[in-house]
Amino acid sequence: MFIRFTDTYPYQGGFAKFAILASMGDLLGIRILKGEWTIPKGLFYKAAVWGIIGIMVTLMFTIYMGGTAAAQVSGKLPFKDSAIAQAFFGSAVMNVTFGPMMMVFHRFTDMYIDTRYEKKGGSVSLKELIDKNDWNSLVEFTWLKTCPFFWIPAHTIVFLLPSQYRVLVSAFLSIALGLLLALAKKEKSEKSAAAV
């Protein structure tokens, strides 16, 4: 029934999948870091941002897979008629173009929500967010590590699935990545605490 709904209303389905599943990933990450279930401030707004990302992902999957197939047919990419090559090229191109910009959008909307709560609803400037952002982490870890080593292989597998499951599985992957990042952050903070 849910698959029928998302086939008929793909953007609403993409919104719902990401708003629910990716938010669950955020909650699990907080649980791992803090050792207890905590509802973060702005959860509703952050879920809405995840939903918007779900809409973008729904559209981008179609654009990148269709564009990759067209590039293969026209000889601009090799291995025409190879589903594995199409999935890999679609994933690679998506994750070096759309992926980094989507990550910036997500990070800045999260920072905006958090800062609004810190300031008790006070105004937040773009310059303030740009200055506050950890650009080294964004570029070195998020772009240069998670894109090639997590998202390109993961989305290659996603693109091999029937199209009606792609957005759903991608939302589950957001949970998996959230858990991996939380575990890595927890291990790093434990090592720092032990060194002191």
N, C-alpha and C. Protein backbone atom coordinates (compact mmCIF):
# COMPACT_ATOMS: atom_id res chain seq x y z
N MET A 1 0.82 -1.19 0.00
CA MET A 1 0.00 0.00 0.00
C MET A 1 0.88 1.27 0.00
N PHE A 2 1.94 1.26 0.82
CA PHE A 2 2.83 2.41 0.88
C PHE A 2 3.56 2.61 -0.44
N ILE A 3 3.98 1.50 -1.07
CA ILE A 3 4.67 1.59 -2.36
C ILE A 3 3.72 2.14 -3.42
N ARG A 4 2.45 1.71 -3.39
CA ARG A 4 1.46 2.26 -4.33
C ARG A 4 1.30 3.76 -4.12
N PHE A 5 1.25 4.17 -2.85
CA PHE A 5 1.12 5.60 -2.53
C PHE A 5 2.31 6.38 -3.06
N THR A 6 3.54 5.87 -2.83
CA THR A 6 4.73 6.60 -3.26
C THR A 6 4.90 6.58 -4.77
N ASP A 7 4.38 5.54 -5.44
CA ASP A 7 4.40 5.53 -6.91
C ASP A 7 3.47 6.61 -7.46
N THR A 8 2.32 6.78 -6.80
CA THR A 8 1.33 7.77 -7.24
C THR A 8 1.75 9.18 -6.84
N TYR A 9 2.30 9.32 -5.64
CA TYR A 9 2.71 10.63 -5.11
C TYR A 9 4.19 10.56 -4.71
N PRO A 10 5.11 10.56 -5.69
CA PRO A 10 6.52 10.33 -5.37
C PRO A 10 7.13 11.37 -4.44
N TYR A 11 6.77 12.64 -4.60
CA TYR A 11 7.38 13.67 -3.75
C TYR A 11 6.88 13.60 -2.32
N GLN A 12 5.58 13.35 -2.15
CA GLN A 12 5.05 13.19 -0.80
C GLN A 12 5.66 11.96 -0.13
N GLY A 13 5.81 10.89 -0.92
CA GLY A 13 6.44 9.68 -0.39
C GLY A 13 7.88 9.91 0.00
N GLY A 14 8.64 10.63 -0.85
CA GLY A 14 10.03 10.95 -0.54
C GLY A 14 10.14 11.79 0.71
N PHE A 15 9.23 12.76 0.85
CA PHE A 15 9.22 13.60 2.04
C PHE A 15 8.99 12.74 3.29
N ALA A 16 7.97 11.88 3.24
CA ALA A 16 7.62 11.06 4.41
C ALA A 16 8.75 10.10 4.78
N LYS A 17 9.34 9.45 3.77
CA LYS A 17 10.40 8.47 4.04
C LYS A 17 11.58 9.12 4.76
N PHE A 18 12.04 10.25 4.23
CA PHE A 18 13.20 10.90 4.83
C PHE A 18 12.86 11.58 6.15
N ALA A 19 11.71 12.23 6.22
CA ALA A 19 11.34 12.92 7.46
C ALA A 19 11.29 11.93 8.62
N ILE A 20 10.76 10.74 8.37
CA ILE A 20 10.63 9.75 9.45
C ILE A 20 11.94 9.00 9.68
N LEU A 21 12.47 8.38 8.62
CA LEU A 21 13.63 7.49 8.79
C LEU A 21 14.91 8.24 9.13
N ALA A 22 15.20 9.33 8.43
CA ALA A 22 16.43 10.06 8.72
C ALA A 22 16.37 10.71 10.11
N SER A 23 15.17 11.15 10.51
CA SER A 23 15.02 11.68 11.88
C SER A 23 15.26 10.59 12.91
N MET A 24 14.83 9.37 12.61
CA MET A 24 15.12 8.24 13.50
C MET A 24 16.63 8.05 13.62
N GLY A 25 17.34 8.21 12.50
CA GLY A 25 18.80 8.11 12.53
C GLY A 25 19.43 9.16 13.42
N ASP A 26 18.89 10.40 13.34
CA ASP A 26 19.38 11.46 14.22
C ASP A 26 19.17 11.11 15.69
N LEU A 27 17.98 10.60 16.01
CA LEU A 27 17.67 10.23 17.40
C LEU A 27 18.56 9.10 17.89
N LEU A 28 18.82 8.12 17.02
CA LEU A 28 19.71 7.01 17.41
C LEU A 28 21.14 7.51 17.62
N GLY A 29 21.58 8.45 16.78
CA GLY A 29 22.91 9.03 16.94
C GLY A 29 23.06 9.73 18.28
N ILE A 30 22.04 10.51 18.65
CA ILE A 30 22.06 11.20 19.95
C ILE A 30 22.06 10.18 21.09
N ARG A 31 21.30 9.12 20.92
CA ARG A 31 21.22 8.05 21.95
C ARG A 31 22.60 7.42 22.16
N ILE A 32 23.32 7.19 21.07
CA ILE A 32 24.65 6.59 21.16
C ILE A 32 25.62 7.56 21.86
N LEU A 33 25.56 8.84 21.48
CA LEU A 33 26.49 9.83 22.04
C LEU A 33 26.22 10.12 23.51
N LYS A 34 24.94 10.26 23.86
CA LYS A 34 24.60 10.68 25.23
C LYS A 34 24.27 9.52 26.16
N GLY A 35 24.02 8.34 25.60
CA GLY A 35 23.69 7.19 26.42
C GLY A 35 22.25 7.15 26.89
N GLU A 36 21.44 8.08 26.40
CA GLU A 36 20.02 8.09 26.76
C GLU A 36 19.22 8.72 25.62
N TRP A 37 17.94 8.39 25.60
CA TRP A 37 17.07 8.95 24.57
C TRP A 37 16.78 10.41 24.90
N THR A 38 17.06 11.29 23.96
CA THR A 38 16.84 12.71 24.13
C THR A 38 16.18 13.26 22.88
N ILE A 39 15.14 14.05 23.08
CA ILE A 39 14.50 14.71 21.94
C ILE A 39 15.20 16.05 21.74
N PRO A 40 15.90 16.23 20.61
CA PRO A 40 16.61 17.50 20.42
C PRO A 40 15.64 18.65 20.16
N LYS A 41 16.08 19.86 20.48
CA LYS A 41 15.27 21.04 20.18
C LYS A 41 15.18 21.17 18.66
N GLY A 42 13.99 21.53 18.21
CA GLY A 42 13.80 21.73 16.78
C GLY A 42 13.61 20.46 15.99
N LEU A 43 13.26 19.36 16.66
CA LEU A 43 13.11 18.07 15.96
C LEU A 43 12.10 18.17 14.81
N PHE A 44 10.98 18.84 15.03
CA PHE A 44 9.97 18.96 13.99
C PHE A 44 10.55 19.68 12.76
N TYR A 45 11.28 20.78 13.00
CA TYR A 45 11.87 21.54 11.89
C TYR A 45 12.94 20.73 11.17
N LYS A 46 13.74 20.01 11.96
CA LYS A 46 14.79 19.18 11.36
C LYS A 46 14.19 18.05 10.54
N ALA A 47 13.07 17.48 11.01
CA ALA A 47 12.37 16.45 10.24
C ALA A 47 11.84 17.03 8.93
N ALA A 48 11.35 18.28 8.98
CA ALA A 48 10.86 18.94 7.76
C ALA A 48 12.01 19.14 6.77
N VAL A 49 13.20 19.50 7.29
CA VAL A 49 14.37 19.65 6.41
C VAL A 49 14.71 18.31 5.77
N TRP A 50 14.70 17.22 6.57
CA TRP A 50 14.93 15.89 6.01
C TRP A 50 13.90 15.58 4.94
N GLY A 51 12.65 15.97 5.18
CA GLY A 51 11.60 15.75 4.18
C GLY A 51 11.89 16.47 2.87
N ILE A 52 12.37 17.71 2.97
CA ILE A 52 12.73 18.47 1.77
C ILE A 52 13.88 17.77 1.04
N ILE A 53 14.84 17.25 1.80
CA ILE A 53 15.93 16.49 1.19
C ILE A 53 15.37 15.25 0.50
N GLY A 54 14.37 14.60 1.10
CA GLY A 54 13.73 13.45 0.48
C GLY A 54 13.10 13.79 -0.85
N ILE A 55 12.49 14.97 -0.95
CA ILE A 55 11.91 15.42 -2.23
C ILE A 55 13.02 15.62 -3.25
N MET A 56 14.12 16.28 -2.82
CA MET A 56 15.25 16.51 -3.74
C MET A 56 15.84 15.19 -4.21
N VAL A 57 16.01 14.24 -3.29
CA VAL A 57 16.59 12.94 -3.64
C VAL A 57 15.69 12.20 -4.63
N THR A 58 14.38 12.27 -4.42
CA THR A 58 13.43 11.63 -5.33
C THR A 58 13.63 12.14 -6.76
N LEU A 59 13.76 13.44 -6.91
CA LEU A 59 13.96 14.03 -8.24
C LEU A 59 15.35 13.71 -8.78
N MET A 60 16.37 13.84 -7.94
CA MET A 60 17.75 13.65 -8.39
C MET A 60 18.02 12.21 -8.85
N PHE A 61 17.43 11.24 -8.16
CA PHE A 61 17.62 9.85 -8.58
C PHE A 61 17.16 9.66 -10.02
N THR A 62 16.03 10.25 -10.37
CA THR A 62 15.50 10.13 -11.73
C THR A 62 16.40 10.86 -12.72
N ILE A 63 16.82 12.07 -12.36
CA ILE A 63 17.66 12.87 -13.26
C ILE A 63 19.00 12.19 -13.51
N TYR A 64 19.66 11.74 -12.44
CA TYR A 64 20.99 11.17 -12.61
C TYR A 64 20.97 9.81 -13.29
N MET A 65 20.00 8.99 -12.98
CA MET A 65 19.93 7.68 -13.66
C MET A 65 19.54 7.86 -15.13
N GLY A 66 18.57 8.74 -15.39
CA GLY A 66 18.18 8.99 -16.78
C GLY A 66 19.30 9.65 -17.56
N GLY A 67 20.00 10.61 -16.94
CA GLY A 67 21.11 11.29 -17.60
C GLY A 67 22.26 10.35 -17.89
N THR A 68 22.54 9.45 -16.95
CA THR A 68 23.61 8.47 -17.16
C THR A 68 23.27 7.54 -18.32
N ALA A 69 22.03 7.07 -18.36
CA ALA A 69 21.60 6.19 -19.47
C ALA A 69 21.74 6.92 -20.80
N ALA A 70 21.32 8.19 -20.86
CA ALA A 70 21.42 8.98 -22.10
C ALA A 70 22.88 9.17 -22.50
N ALA A 71 23.77 9.42 -21.51
CA ALA A 71 25.19 9.59 -21.80
C ALA A 71 25.81 8.29 -22.32
N GLN A 72 25.37 7.16 -21.79
CA GLN A 72 25.87 5.87 -22.28
C GLN A 72 25.40 5.61 -23.71
N VAL A 73 24.15 5.89 -23.99
CA VAL A 73 23.59 5.67 -25.34
C VAL A 73 24.30 6.56 -26.36
N SER A 74 24.61 7.80 -25.96
CA SER A 74 25.25 8.74 -26.91
C SER A 74 26.77 8.56 -26.98
N GLY A 75 27.32 7.63 -26.20
CA GLY A 75 28.75 7.36 -26.24
C GLY A 75 29.59 8.28 -25.35
N LYS A 76 28.93 9.12 -24.54
CA LYS A 76 29.68 10.01 -23.64
C LYS A 76 30.13 9.30 -22.37
N LEU A 77 29.52 8.15 -22.09
CA LEU A 77 29.97 7.25 -21.02
C LEU A 77 30.02 5.84 -21.61
N PRO A 78 30.96 5.02 -21.15
CA PRO A 78 31.10 3.67 -21.72
C PRO A 78 30.09 2.66 -21.14
N PHE A 79 30.16 1.45 -21.69
CA PHE A 79 29.41 0.28 -21.20
C PHE A 79 27.90 0.45 -21.34
N LYS A 80 27.49 0.89 -22.53
CA LYS A 80 26.06 1.02 -22.82
C LYS A 80 25.36 -0.31 -22.54
N ASP A 81 24.17 -0.26 -21.99
CA ASP A 81 23.33 -1.41 -21.64
C ASP A 81 23.82 -2.19 -20.42
N SER A 82 24.84 -1.69 -19.74
CA SER A 82 25.29 -2.35 -18.51
C SER A 82 24.62 -1.66 -17.32
N ALA A 83 23.77 -2.42 -16.61
CA ALA A 83 23.06 -1.86 -15.45
C ALA A 83 24.03 -1.48 -14.34
N ILE A 84 25.08 -2.28 -14.15
CA ILE A 84 26.06 -1.99 -13.10
C ILE A 84 26.81 -0.70 -13.42
N ALA A 85 27.22 -0.54 -14.68
CA ALA A 85 27.93 0.69 -15.07
C ALA A 85 27.01 1.90 -14.92
N GLN A 86 25.75 1.77 -15.34
CA GLN A 86 24.81 2.88 -15.22
C GLN A 86 24.63 3.26 -13.74
N ALA A 87 24.49 2.25 -12.88
CA ALA A 87 24.32 2.51 -11.45
C ALA A 87 25.55 3.20 -10.86
N PHE A 88 26.75 2.71 -11.24
CA PHE A 88 27.98 3.31 -10.72
C PHE A 88 28.16 4.74 -11.21
N PHE A 89 28.01 4.96 -12.53
CA PHE A 89 28.19 6.31 -13.07
C PHE A 89 27.14 7.27 -12.51
N GLY A 90 25.91 6.82 -12.42
CA GLY A 90 24.86 7.67 -11.85
C GLY A 90 25.18 8.06 -10.42
N SER A 91 25.62 7.09 -9.64
CA SER A 91 25.98 7.34 -8.24
C SER A 91 27.19 8.28 -8.14
N ALA A 92 28.22 8.00 -8.94
CA ALA A 92 29.45 8.80 -8.87
C ALA A 92 29.18 10.25 -9.25
N VAL A 93 28.49 10.46 -10.37
CA VAL A 93 28.23 11.84 -10.81
C VAL A 93 27.34 12.55 -9.80
N MET A 94 26.32 11.88 -9.29
CA MET A 94 25.43 12.48 -8.32
C MET A 94 26.18 12.88 -7.05
N ASN A 95 27.07 12.02 -6.59
CA ASN A 95 27.74 12.26 -5.31
C ASN A 95 28.94 13.20 -5.39
N VAL A 96 29.34 13.60 -6.59
CA VAL A 96 30.37 14.64 -6.68
C VAL A 96 29.78 15.97 -7.14
N THR A 97 28.49 16.00 -7.47
CA THR A 97 27.85 17.26 -7.88
C THR A 97 26.74 17.62 -6.89
N PHE A 98 25.64 16.90 -6.94
CA PHE A 98 24.50 17.20 -6.07
C PHE A 98 24.82 16.91 -4.59
N GLY A 99 25.50 15.80 -4.31
CA GLY A 99 25.76 15.36 -2.94
C GLY A 99 26.39 16.43 -2.05
N PRO A 100 27.53 17.03 -2.47
CA PRO A 100 28.15 18.04 -1.61
C PRO A 100 27.24 19.25 -1.34
N MET A 101 26.50 19.69 -2.35
CA MET A 101 25.62 20.84 -2.14
C MET A 101 24.46 20.49 -1.21
N MET A 102 23.94 19.26 -1.33
CA MET A 102 22.88 18.82 -0.43
C MET A 102 23.40 18.77 1.01
N MET A 103 24.66 18.34 1.18
CA MET A 103 25.25 18.27 2.52
C MET A 103 25.41 19.67 3.12
N VAL A 104 25.78 20.65 2.29
CA VAL A 104 25.89 22.04 2.76
C VAL A 104 24.51 22.54 3.18
N PHE A 105 23.51 22.28 2.34
CA PHE A 105 22.13 22.68 2.66
C PHE A 105 21.71 22.09 4.00
N HIS A 106 21.97 20.80 4.19
CA HIS A 106 21.56 20.13 5.43
C HIS A 106 22.30 20.69 6.63
N ARG A 107 23.61 20.86 6.50
CA ARG A 107 24.39 21.37 7.63
C ARG A 107 23.94 22.78 8.02
N PHE A 108 23.74 23.65 7.02
CA PHE A 108 23.38 25.03 7.33
C PHE A 108 21.96 25.16 7.87
N THR A 109 21.04 24.35 7.39
CA THR A 109 19.68 24.40 7.96
C THR A 109 19.70 23.88 9.39
N ASP A 110 20.47 22.83 9.65
CA ASP A 110 20.61 22.33 11.03
C ASP A 110 21.21 23.39 11.95
N MET A 111 22.29 24.03 11.46
CA MET A 111 22.92 25.08 12.28
C MET A 111 21.97 26.24 12.50
N TYR A 112 21.19 26.59 11.49
CA TYR A 112 20.22 27.68 11.62
C TYR A 112 19.20 27.36 12.70
N ILE A 113 18.65 26.13 12.66
CA ILE A 113 17.65 25.72 13.66
C ILE A 113 18.26 25.73 15.06
N ASP A 114 19.46 25.14 15.20
CA ASP A 114 20.12 25.10 16.51
C ASP A 114 20.41 26.50 17.03
N THR A 115 20.91 27.37 16.16
CA THR A 115 21.26 28.73 16.58
C THR A 115 20.02 29.54 16.96
N ARG A 116 18.93 29.35 16.23
CA ARG A 116 17.68 30.04 16.60
C ARG A 116 17.24 29.63 18.00
N TYR A 117 17.37 28.33 18.33
CA TYR A 117 17.01 27.88 19.68
C TYR A 117 18.00 28.42 20.72
N GLU A 118 19.29 28.45 20.39
CA GLU A 118 20.28 29.00 21.33
C GLU A 118 19.99 30.47 21.62
N LYS A 119 19.54 31.21 20.60
CA LYS A 119 19.26 32.64 20.75
C LYS A 119 17.81 32.90 21.16
N LYS A 120 17.11 31.83 21.50
CA LYS A 120 15.70 31.95 21.92
C LYS A 120 14.86 32.71 20.90
N GLY A 121 15.05 32.32 19.62
CA GLY A 121 14.25 32.91 18.54
C GLY A 121 14.84 34.16 17.93
N GLY A 122 16.01 34.57 18.39
CA GLY A 122 16.65 35.76 17.82
C GLY A 122 17.09 35.54 16.39
N SER A 123 17.38 36.63 15.70
CA SER A 123 17.74 36.52 14.28
C SER A 123 19.11 35.87 14.12
N VAL A 124 19.28 35.21 12.98
CA VAL A 124 20.53 34.51 12.66
C VAL A 124 20.95 34.96 11.27
N SER A 125 22.18 35.44 11.14
CA SER A 125 22.66 35.89 9.82
C SER A 125 23.41 34.77 9.11
N LEU A 126 23.46 34.88 7.79
CA LEU A 126 24.20 33.91 7.00
C LEU A 126 25.68 33.97 7.35
N LYS A 127 26.21 35.19 7.55
CA LYS A 127 27.62 35.33 7.92
C LYS A 127 27.93 34.59 9.22
N GLU A 128 27.02 34.68 10.17
CA GLU A 128 27.19 34.00 11.45
C GLU A 128 27.30 32.48 11.24
N LEU A 129 26.46 31.95 10.38
CA LEU A 129 26.50 30.51 10.11
C LEU A 129 27.77 30.12 9.35
N ILE A 130 28.18 30.96 8.40
CA ILE A 130 29.41 30.68 7.63
C ILE A 130 30.61 30.66 8.58
N ASP A 131 30.66 31.63 9.51
CA ASP A 131 31.76 31.68 10.47
C ASP A 131 31.72 30.51 11.45
N LYS A 132 30.52 30.08 11.79
CA LYS A 132 30.35 29.01 12.79
C LYS A 132 30.66 27.62 12.21
N ASN A 133 30.49 27.46 10.90
CA ASN A 133 30.64 26.14 10.28
C ASN A 133 32.08 25.63 10.36
N ASP A 134 32.24 24.34 10.60
CA ASP A 134 33.54 23.68 10.60
C ASP A 134 33.83 23.24 9.15
N TRP A 135 34.46 24.14 8.39
CA TRP A 135 34.69 23.88 6.97
C TRP A 135 35.67 22.73 6.76
N ASN A 136 36.65 22.60 7.65
CA ASN A 136 37.61 21.50 7.51
C ASN A 136 36.89 20.16 7.59
N SER A 137 35.99 20.01 8.56
CA SER A 137 35.23 18.77 8.71
C SER A 137 34.33 18.54 7.49
N LEU A 138 33.69 19.61 7.02
CA LEU A 138 32.79 19.47 5.88
C LEU A 138 33.53 18.99 4.64
N VAL A 139 34.66 19.63 4.34
CA VAL A 139 35.39 19.29 3.12
C VAL A 139 36.17 17.99 3.28
N GLU A 140 37.00 17.92 4.33
CA GLU A 140 37.90 16.77 4.48
C GLU A 140 37.16 15.48 4.79
N PHE A 141 36.21 15.54 5.71
CA PHE A 141 35.53 14.30 6.09
C PHE A 141 34.27 14.06 5.26
N THR A 142 33.36 15.03 5.27
CA THR A 142 32.07 14.80 4.64
C THR A 142 32.20 14.66 3.13
N TRP A 143 32.92 15.58 2.48
CA TRP A 143 33.02 15.50 1.02
C TRP A 143 34.05 14.48 0.55
N LEU A 144 35.26 14.54 1.12
CA LEU A 144 36.35 13.74 0.59
C LEU A 144 36.41 12.31 1.12
N LYS A 145 35.67 12.02 2.19
CA LYS A 145 35.66 10.65 2.71
C LYS A 145 34.30 9.98 2.55
N THR A 146 33.23 10.62 3.07
CA THR A 146 31.94 9.91 3.00
C THR A 146 31.41 9.82 1.57
N CYS A 147 31.63 10.84 0.73
CA CYS A 147 31.13 10.75 -0.66
C CYS A 147 31.76 9.57 -1.42
N PRO A 148 33.10 9.53 -1.52
CA PRO A 148 33.67 8.42 -2.31
C PRO A 148 33.62 7.05 -1.64
N PHE A 149 33.77 7.01 -0.32
CA PHE A 149 33.91 5.71 0.34
C PHE A 149 32.61 5.16 0.93
N PHE A 150 31.60 6.01 1.11
CA PHE A 150 30.32 5.50 1.60
C PHE A 150 29.21 5.69 0.57
N TRP A 151 28.99 6.96 0.16
CA TRP A 151 27.80 7.23 -0.66
C TRP A 151 27.90 6.70 -2.08
N ILE A 152 29.07 6.79 -2.74
CA ILE A 152 29.14 6.26 -4.12
C ILE A 152 28.91 4.76 -4.14
N PRO A 153 29.59 3.96 -3.30
CA PRO A 153 29.28 2.52 -3.31
C PRO A 153 27.84 2.22 -2.88
N ALA A 154 27.36 2.93 -1.85
CA ALA A 154 26.00 2.67 -1.34
C ALA A 154 24.95 2.99 -2.40
N HIS A 155 25.08 4.14 -3.06
CA HIS A 155 24.09 4.50 -4.08
C HIS A 155 24.23 3.67 -5.34
N THR A 156 25.41 3.12 -5.60
CA THR A 156 25.55 2.18 -6.72
C THR A 156 24.64 0.98 -6.47
N ILE A 157 24.65 0.48 -5.25
CA ILE A 157 23.77 -0.64 -4.90
C ILE A 157 22.31 -0.21 -4.96
N VAL A 158 22.01 0.99 -4.43
CA VAL A 158 20.64 1.51 -4.45
C VAL A 158 20.12 1.59 -5.88
N PHE A 159 20.95 2.06 -6.81
CA PHE A 159 20.52 2.23 -8.19
C PHE A 159 20.34 0.90 -8.93
N LEU A 160 20.82 -0.18 -8.36
CA LEU A 160 20.58 -1.50 -8.94
C LEU A 160 19.22 -2.07 -8.50
N LEU A 161 18.61 -1.46 -7.50
CA LEU A 161 17.30 -1.91 -7.00
C LEU A 161 16.19 -1.41 -7.91
N PRO A 162 15.01 -2.05 -7.85
CA PRO A 162 13.86 -1.49 -8.57
C PRO A 162 13.60 -0.06 -8.10
N SER A 163 13.17 0.81 -9.01
CA SER A 163 13.08 2.25 -8.72
C SER A 163 12.19 2.58 -7.53
N GLN A 164 11.14 1.78 -7.28
CA GLN A 164 10.21 2.11 -6.18
C GLN A 164 10.85 1.93 -4.80
N TYR A 165 11.99 1.22 -4.72
CA TYR A 165 12.64 1.01 -3.43
C TYR A 165 13.83 1.94 -3.20
N ARG A 166 14.25 2.68 -4.20
CA ARG A 166 15.50 3.44 -4.10
C ARG A 166 15.48 4.51 -3.03
N VAL A 167 14.44 5.34 -3.00
CA VAL A 167 14.39 6.43 -2.03
C VAL A 167 14.28 5.87 -0.61
N LEU A 168 13.49 4.81 -0.46
CA LEU A 168 13.33 4.18 0.86
C LEU A 168 14.66 3.65 1.38
N VAL A 169 15.39 2.91 0.54
CA VAL A 169 16.67 2.34 0.97
C VAL A 169 17.67 3.46 1.23
N SER A 170 17.63 4.53 0.42
CA SER A 170 18.53 5.66 0.66
C SER A 170 18.25 6.31 2.01
N ALA A 171 16.97 6.39 2.39
CA ALA A 171 16.63 6.94 3.71
C ALA A 171 17.18 6.04 4.82
N PHE A 172 17.11 4.71 4.64
CA PHE A 172 17.70 3.80 5.62
C PHE A 172 19.21 3.97 5.69
N LEU A 173 19.83 4.25 4.54
CA LEU A 173 21.28 4.48 4.54
C LEU A 173 21.64 5.72 5.35
N SER A 174 20.75 6.72 5.37
CA SER A 174 20.99 7.91 6.21
C SER A 174 21.04 7.52 7.67
N ILE A 175 20.21 6.55 8.06
CA ILE A 175 20.25 6.04 9.44
C ILE A 175 21.59 5.37 9.69
N ALA A 176 22.01 4.53 8.75
CA ALA A 176 23.27 3.80 8.90
C ALA A 176 24.45 4.76 9.02
N LEU A 177 24.48 5.77 8.15
CA LEU A 177 25.58 6.73 8.21
C LEU A 177 25.55 7.51 9.52
N GLY A 178 24.35 7.92 9.95
CA GLY A 178 24.21 8.62 11.23
C GLY A 178 24.76 7.81 12.38
N LEU A 179 24.48 6.51 12.38
CA LEU A 179 24.99 5.63 13.44
C LEU A 179 26.50 5.50 13.37
N LEU A 180 27.04 5.33 12.16
CA LEU A 180 28.50 5.22 12.01
C LEU A 180 29.20 6.50 12.49
N LEU A 181 28.64 7.66 12.12
CA LEU A 181 29.24 8.92 12.54
C LEU A 181 29.16 9.10 14.05
N ALA A 182 28.03 8.71 14.65
CA ALA A 182 27.87 8.83 16.10
C ALA A 182 28.86 7.92 16.82
N LEU A 183 29.03 6.69 16.33
CA LEU A 183 29.98 5.76 16.93
C LEU A 183 31.41 6.30 16.83
N ALA A 184 31.76 6.86 15.66
CA ALA A 184 33.10 7.41 15.47
C ALA A 184 33.32 8.60 16.40
N LYS A 185 32.30 9.45 16.53
CA LYS A 185 32.41 10.63 17.40
C LYS A 185 32.53 10.21 18.86
N LYS A 186 31.78 9.19 19.25
CA LYS A 186 31.84 8.70 20.64
C LYS A 186 33.21 8.11 20.94
N GLU A 187 33.73 7.32 19.99
CA GLU A 187 35.05 6.71 20.19
C GLU A 187 36.13 7.79 20.30
N LYS A 188 36.03 8.84 19.45
CA LYS A 188 36.99 9.93 19.48
C LYS A 188 36.94 10.68 20.81
N SER A 189 35.72 10.95 21.32
CA SER A 189 35.59 11.68 22.60
C SER A 189 36.08 10.81 23.75
N GLU A 190 35.86 9.48 23.69
CA GLU A 190 36.37 8.60 24.74
C GLU A 190 37.88 8.56 24.77
N LYS A 191 38.50 8.55 23.56
CA LYS A 191 39.98 8.56 23.48
C LYS A 191 40.53 9.88 24.01
N SER A 192 39.85 10.99 23.68
CA SER A 192 40.28 12.30 24.17
C SER A 192 40.19 12.36 25.70
N ALA A 193 39.10 11.81 26.25
CA ALA A 193 38.90 11.81 27.70
C ALA A 193 39.97 10.94 28.39
N ALA A 194 40.30 9.79 27.77
CA ALA A 194 41.32 8.89 28.34
C ALA A 194 42.70 9.53 28.30
N ALA A 195 42.97 10.32 27.24
CA ALA A 195 44.29 10.98 27.13
C ALA A 195 44.47 12.04 28.19
N VAL A 196 43.35 12.65 28.64
CA VAL A 196 43.43 13.69 29.68
C VAL A 196 43.56 13.00 31.01
